[in-house]
């Protein structure tokens, strides 16, 4: 990749309206949105101790663990900007991140900002003097399948069967509507 061959520290690409940022590390590896959410949240919590951070249902446990370790309160939310912005307003969250690479900042009226995301990442790289791959490795603990979608005709029956199968002492089921 260009990032690797040019010996760059980071690669960042934006979608058409620059509200979403895709990031690759110095090795050319794509950084998943939930890992970026955790890294960005940790940075923001340095100046907003105890604040609420939202992450979408597709994110791994990493987000909650990193946020809580950094002194914040992590809350899962539905996917989609209208739900996230509403939830940010209701909870007073300072930041929210989606697996899709949308990152929302309360200081920008709960809007996404690819530019601010870039600036925060560059600040982190500058201050820590660590490669992005090292920061990612420090918090990556779980396998992530990515987003898997499929359609079923009898949704209620299928959901009931899944809930029945995975009910037990060490199981927890989260329902977000």
C-alpha atoms as a PDB file:
ATOM      1  CA  UNK A   1       0.000   0.000   0.000  1.00  0.00           C
ATOM      2  CA  UNK A   2       0.944   3.627  -0.383  1.00  0.00           C
ATOM      3  CA  UNK A   3       1.130   4.180   3.391  1.00  0.00           C
ATOM      4  CA  UNK A   4       3.614   1.360   3.819  1.00  0.00           C
ATOM      5  CA  UNK A   5       5.713   2.106   0.733  1.00  0.00           C
ATOM      6  CA  UNK A   6       5.976   5.808   1.613  1.00  0.00           C
ATOM      7  CA  UNK A   7       6.867   4.964   5.225  1.00  0.00           C
ATOM      8  CA  UNK A   8       3.960   7.086   6.474  1.00  0.00           C
ATOM      9  CA  UNK A   9       2.794   6.845  10.071  1.00  0.00           C
ATOM     10  CA  UNK A  10      -0.895   6.709   9.181  1.00  0.00           C
ATOM     11  CA  UNK A  11      -3.281   6.708   6.252  1.00  0.00           C
ATOM     12  CA  UNK A  12      -6.711   8.322   6.406  1.00  0.00           C
ATOM     13  CA  UNK A  13      -9.439   8.351   3.764  1.00  0.00           C
ATOM     14  CA  UNK A  14     -12.802  10.103   3.880  1.00  0.00           C
ATOM     15  CA  UNK A  15     -16.138   9.316   2.332  1.00  0.00           C
ATOM     16  CA  UNK A  16     -17.778  11.764  -0.106  1.00  0.00           C
ATOM     17  CA  UNK A  17     -18.947  14.272   2.495  1.00  0.00           C
ATOM     18  CA  UNK A  18     -15.936  13.734   4.816  1.00  0.00           C
ATOM     19  CA  UNK A  19     -18.037  12.772   7.818  1.00  0.00           C
ATOM     20  CA  UNK A  20     -16.537   9.285   7.939  1.00  0.00           C
ATOM     21  CA  UNK A  21     -12.886   8.391   8.290  1.00  0.00           C
ATOM     22  CA  UNK A  22     -11.210   5.129   7.350  1.00  0.00           C
ATOM     23  CA  UNK A  23      -7.796   4.615   8.918  1.00  0.00           C
ATOM     24  CA  UNK A  24      -4.819   2.369   8.185  1.00  0.00           C
ATOM     25  CA  UNK A  25      -1.754   2.018  10.379  1.00  0.00           C
ATOM     26  CA  UNK A  26       1.873   2.365   9.281  1.00  0.00           C
ATOM     27  CA  UNK A  27       1.845  -1.273   8.147  1.00  0.00           C
ATOM     28  CA  UNK A  28      -1.156  -0.724   5.879  1.00  0.00           C
ATOM     29  CA  UNK A  29      -3.604  -2.566   8.164  1.00  0.00           C
ATOM     30  CA  UNK A  30      -7.163  -1.246   8.305  1.00  0.00           C
ATOM     31  CA  UNK A  31      -8.199  -0.222  11.836  1.00  0.00           C
ATOM     32  CA  UNK A  32     -11.787  -1.274  12.647  1.00  0.00           C
ATOM     33  CA  UNK A  33     -14.208   1.470  13.704  1.00  0.00           C
ATOM     34  CA  UNK A  34     -14.759   0.026  17.163  1.00  0.00           C
ATOM     35  CA  UNK A  35     -11.014   0.041  17.889  1.00  0.00           C
ATOM     36  CA  UNK A  36     -10.810   3.645  16.680  1.00  0.00           C
ATOM     37  CA  UNK A  37     -13.791   4.467  18.894  1.00  0.00           C
ATOM     38  CA  UNK A  38     -11.930   3.056  21.901  1.00  0.00           C
ATOM     39  CA  UNK A  39      -8.714   4.946  21.085  1.00  0.00           C
ATOM     40  CA  UNK A  40     -10.513   8.235  20.459  1.00  0.00           C
ATOM     41  CA  UNK A  41     -12.655   7.817  23.589  1.00  0.00           C
ATOM     42  CA  UNK A  42      -9.570   7.199  25.709  1.00  0.00           C
ATOM     43  CA  UNK A  43      -8.028  10.403  24.373  1.00  0.00           C
ATOM     44  CA  UNK A  44     -11.180  12.476  24.967  1.00  0.00           C
ATOM     45  CA  UNK A  45     -11.607  11.111  28.491  1.00  0.00           C
ATOM     46  CA  UNK A  46      -8.254  12.626  29.458  1.00  0.00           C
ATOM     47  CA  UNK A  47      -9.997  15.999  29.566  1.00  0.00           C
ATOM     48  CA  UNK A  48     -13.552  14.804  30.302  1.00  0.00           C
ATOM     49  CA  UNK A  49     -13.197  12.391  33.225  1.00  0.00           C
ATOM     50  CA  UNK A  50     -16.322  10.385  33.982  1.00  0.00           C
ATOM     51  CA  UNK A  51     -18.029  11.337  30.713  1.00  0.00           C
ATOM     52  CA  UNK A  52     -20.383   9.076  28.781  1.00  0.00           C
ATOM     53  CA  UNK A  53     -19.199   7.503  25.525  1.00  0.00           C
ATOM     54  CA  UNK A  54     -21.580   5.742  23.130  1.00  0.00           C
ATOM     55  CA  UNK A  55     -20.696   2.876  20.821  1.00  0.00           C
ATOM     56  CA  UNK A  56     -22.904   0.990  18.403  1.00  0.00           C
ATOM     57  CA  UNK A  57     -24.121  -2.570  18.925  1.00  0.00           C
ATOM     58  CA  UNK A  58     -21.655  -3.939  16.368  1.00  0.00           C
ATOM     59  CA  UNK A  59     -18.626  -2.934  18.424  1.00  0.00           C
ATOM     60  CA  UNK A  60     -16.564  -5.392  20.440  1.00  0.00           C
ATOM     61  CA  UNK A  61     -16.222  -5.498  24.226  1.00  0.00           C
ATOM     62  CA  UNK A  62     -12.973  -3.615  23.753  1.00  0.00           C
ATOM     63  CA  UNK A  63     -14.804  -0.284  23.608  1.00  0.00           C
ATOM     64  CA  UNK A  64     -16.542  -0.716  26.965  1.00  0.00           C
ATOM     65  CA  UNK A  65     -13.369  -2.023  28.618  1.00  0.00           C
ATOM     66  CA  UNK A  66     -11.153   0.808  27.340  1.00  0.00           C
ATOM     67  CA  UNK A  67     -13.717   3.502  28.208  1.00  0.00           C
ATOM     68  CA  UNK A  68     -14.237   2.212  31.733  1.00  0.00           C
ATOM     69  CA  UNK A  69     -10.509   1.787  32.326  1.00  0.00           C
ATOM     70  CA  UNK A  70     -10.033   5.414  31.203  1.00  0.00           C
ATOM     71  CA  UNK A  71     -12.609   6.552  33.772  1.00  0.00           C
ATOM     72  CA  UNK A  72     -15.600   6.956  31.495  1.00  0.00           C
ATOM     73  CA  UNK A  73     -19.061   5.447  31.257  1.00  0.00           C
ATOM     74  CA  UNK A  74     -19.691   3.326  28.129  1.00  0.00           C
ATOM     75  CA  UNK A  75     -23.181   2.839  26.728  1.00  0.00           C
ATOM     76  CA  UNK A  76     -24.274   0.763  23.764  1.00  0.00           C
ATOM     77  CA  UNK A  77     -26.584   2.401  21.226  1.00  0.00           C
ATOM     78  CA  UNK A  78     -28.478   1.579  18.059  1.00  0.00           C
ATOM     79  CA  UNK A  79     -26.781   2.017  14.703  1.00  0.00           C
ATOM     80  CA  UNK A  80     -27.555   5.144  12.691  1.00  0.00           C
ATOM     81  CA  UNK A  81     -26.908   8.838  13.027  1.00  0.00           C
ATOM     82  CA  UNK A  82     -30.458   9.824  14.038  1.00  0.00           C
ATOM     83  CA  UNK A  83     -30.483   7.282  16.895  1.00  0.00           C
ATOM     84  CA  UNK A  84     -26.961   8.129  18.005  1.00  0.00           C
ATOM     85  CA  UNK A  85     -27.496  11.890  17.975  1.00  0.00           C
ATOM     86  CA  UNK A  86     -30.726  11.496  19.951  1.00  0.00           C
ATOM     87  CA  UNK A  87     -29.017   9.173  22.443  1.00  0.00           C
ATOM     88  CA  UNK A  88     -26.083  11.575  22.810  1.00  0.00           C
ATOM     89  CA  UNK A  89     -28.500  14.376  23.637  1.00  0.00           C
ATOM     90  CA  UNK A  90     -30.411  12.236  26.158  1.00  0.00           C
ATOM     91  CA  UNK A  91     -27.310  10.909  27.931  1.00  0.00           C
ATOM     92  CA  UNK A  92     -25.060  13.944  27.612  1.00  0.00           C
ATOM     93  CA  UNK A  93     -22.433  11.799  25.879  1.00  0.00           C
ATOM     94  CA  UNK A  94     -19.351  13.686  24.720  1.00  0.00           C
ATOM     95  CA  UNK A  95     -18.522  11.228  21.944  1.00  0.00           C
ATOM     96  CA  UNK A  96     -19.954   8.315  19.985  1.00  0.00           C
ATOM     97  CA  UNK A  97     -18.416   5.966  17.455  1.00  0.00           C
ATOM     98  CA  UNK A  98     -19.774   3.520  14.919  1.00  0.00           C
ATOM     99  CA  UNK A  99     -18.132   0.509  13.335  1.00  0.00           C
ATOM    100  CA  UNK A 100     -18.748   2.262  10.002  1.00  0.00           C
ATOM    101  CA  UNK A 101     -16.184   4.984  10.776  1.00  0.00           C
ATOM    102  CA  UNK A 102     -18.652   7.693  11.779  1.00  0.00           C
ATOM    103  CA  UNK A 103     -17.426   9.517  14.885  1.00  0.00           C
ATOM    104  CA  UNK A 104     -19.726  12.028  16.611  1.00  0.00           C
ATOM    105  CA  UNK A 105     -18.564  14.857  18.855  1.00  0.00           C
ATOM    106  CA  UNK A 106     -20.774  16.708  21.314  1.00  0.00           C
ATOM    107  CA  UNK A 107     -18.694  19.858  20.883  1.00  0.00           C
ATOM    108  CA  UNK A 108     -19.803  19.918  17.225  1.00  0.00           C
ATOM    109  CA  UNK A 109     -23.495  19.672  18.121  1.00  0.00           C
ATOM    110  CA  UNK A 110     -23.329  15.857  17.997  1.00  0.00           C
ATOM    111  CA  UNK A 111     -22.223  15.815  14.339  1.00  0.00           C
ATOM    112  CA  UNK A 112     -19.625  13.602  12.688  1.00  0.00           C
ATOM    113  CA  UNK A 113     -16.263  15.094  11.820  1.00  0.00           C
ATOM    114  CA  UNK A 114     -13.617  13.306   9.812  1.00  0.00           C
ATOM    115  CA  UNK A 115     -11.319  16.315  10.229  1.00  0.00           C
ATOM    116  CA  UNK A 116     -11.527  16.351  14.015  1.00  0.00           C
ATOM    117  CA  UNK A 117     -11.030  12.587  14.082  1.00  0.00           C
ATOM    118  CA  UNK A 118      -7.859  13.063  12.032  1.00  0.00           C
ATOM    119  CA  UNK A 119      -6.577  15.796  14.336  1.00  0.00           C
ATOM    120  CA  UNK A 120      -7.158  13.657  17.431  1.00  0.00           C
ATOM    121  CA  UNK A 121      -5.341  10.702  15.876  1.00  0.00           C
ATOM    122  CA  UNK A 122      -2.395  12.877  14.857  1.00  0.00           C
ATOM    123  CA  UNK A 123      -2.278  14.360  18.370  1.00  0.00           C
ATOM    124  CA  UNK A 124      -2.172  10.858  19.849  1.00  0.00           C
ATOM    125  CA  UNK A 125       0.640   9.788  17.506  1.00  0.00           C
ATOM    126  CA  UNK A 126       2.600  12.935  18.268  1.00  0.00           C
ATOM    127  CA  UNK A 127       2.237  12.738  22.043  1.00  0.00           C
ATOM    128  CA  UNK A 128       2.763   9.014  22.527  1.00  0.00           C
ATOM    129  CA  UNK A 129       5.496   8.621  19.909  1.00  0.00           C
ATOM    130  CA  UNK A 130       4.109   5.100  19.422  1.00  0.00           C
ATOM    131  CA  UNK A 131       3.173   3.626  16.061  1.00  0.00           C
ATOM    132  CA  UNK A 132      -0.577   3.310  15.542  1.00  0.00           C
ATOM    133  CA  UNK A 133      -0.199  -0.476  15.218  1.00  0.00           C
ATOM    134  CA  UNK A 134       1.230  -0.577  18.753  1.00  0.00           C
ATOM    135  CA  UNK A 135      -1.647   1.481  20.185  1.00  0.00           C
ATOM    136  CA  UNK A 136      -4.103  -0.841  18.463  1.00  0.00           C
ATOM    137  CA  UNK A 137      -2.290  -3.976  19.698  1.00  0.00           C
ATOM    138  CA  UNK A 138      -2.450  -2.693  23.297  1.00  0.00           C
ATOM    139  CA  UNK A 139      -6.258  -2.754  23.287  1.00  0.00           C
ATOM    140  CA  UNK A 140      -7.164  -5.461  20.759  1.00  0.00           C
ATOM    141  CA  UNK A 141      -8.272  -8.550  22.662  1.00  0.00           C
ATOM    142  CA  UNK A 142     -11.164 -10.059  20.752  1.00  0.00           C
ATOM    143  CA  UNK A 143     -11.860 -11.552  17.363  1.00  0.00           C
ATOM    144  CA  UNK A 144     -14.213  -9.427  15.309  1.00  0.00           C
ATOM    145  CA  UNK A 145     -16.265 -11.024  12.557  1.00  0.00           C
ATOM    146  CA  UNK A 146     -17.261  -7.735  10.990  1.00  0.00           C
ATOM    147  CA  UNK A 147     -20.867  -7.062  10.145  1.00  0.00           C
ATOM    148  CA  UNK A 148     -22.870 -10.077   8.969  1.00  0.00           C
ATOM    149  CA  UNK A 149     -26.393  -9.556   7.664  1.00  0.00           C
ATOM    150  CA  UNK A 150     -28.999 -11.996   6.459  1.00  0.00           C
ATOM    151  CA  UNK A 151     -32.777 -12.064   6.086  1.00  0.00           C
ATOM    152  CA  UNK A 152     -35.209 -14.523   7.657  1.00  0.00           C
ATOM    153  CA  UNK A 153     -38.938 -14.693   7.141  1.00  0.00           C
ATOM    154  CA  UNK A 154     -39.973 -15.627  10.682  1.00  0.00           C
ATOM    155  CA  UNK A 155     -37.888 -13.118  12.672  1.00  0.00           C
ATOM    156  CA  UNK A 156     -39.746 -13.474  15.965  1.00  0.00           C
ATOM    157  CA  UNK A 157     -39.438 -17.278  16.005  1.00  0.00           C
ATOM    158  CA  UNK A 158     -35.756 -17.167  15.085  1.00  0.00           C
ATOM    159  CA  UNK A 159     -34.987 -14.569  17.767  1.00  0.00           C
ATOM    160  CA  UNK A 160     -36.876 -16.617  20.374  1.00  0.00           C
ATOM    161  CA  UNK A 161     -34.919 -19.757  19.398  1.00  0.00           C
ATOM    162  CA  UNK A 162     -31.603 -17.897  19.655  1.00  0.00           C
ATOM    163  CA  UNK A 163     -32.540 -16.433  23.025  1.00  0.00           C
ATOM    164  CA  UNK A 164     -33.581 -19.865  24.315  1.00  0.00           C
ATOM    165  CA  UNK A 165     -30.374 -21.510  23.096  1.00  0.00           C
ATOM    166  CA  UNK A 166     -28.081 -18.897  24.661  1.00  0.00           C
ATOM    167  CA  UNK A 167     -29.806 -18.482  28.027  1.00  0.00           C
ATOM    168  CA  UNK A 168     -27.748 -19.644  30.981  1.00  0.00           C
ATOM    169  CA  UNK A 169     -25.802 -18.612  34.040  1.00  0.00           C
ATOM    170  CA  UNK A 170     -22.927 -17.138  32.055  1.00  0.00           C
ATOM    171  CA  UNK A 171     -25.036 -15.624  29.264  1.00  0.00           C
ATOM    172  CA  UNK A 172     -26.460 -12.160  28.848  1.00  0.00           C
ATOM    173  CA  UNK A 173     -28.730 -10.945  26.098  1.00  0.00           C
ATOM    174  CA  UNK A 174     -28.937  -7.292  25.140  1.00  0.00           C
ATOM    175  CA  UNK A 175     -31.949  -6.031  23.227  1.00  0.00           C
ATOM    176  CA  UNK A 176     -31.849  -2.583  21.697  1.00  0.00           C
ATOM    177  CA  UNK A 177     -34.816  -1.342  19.712  1.00  0.00           C
END
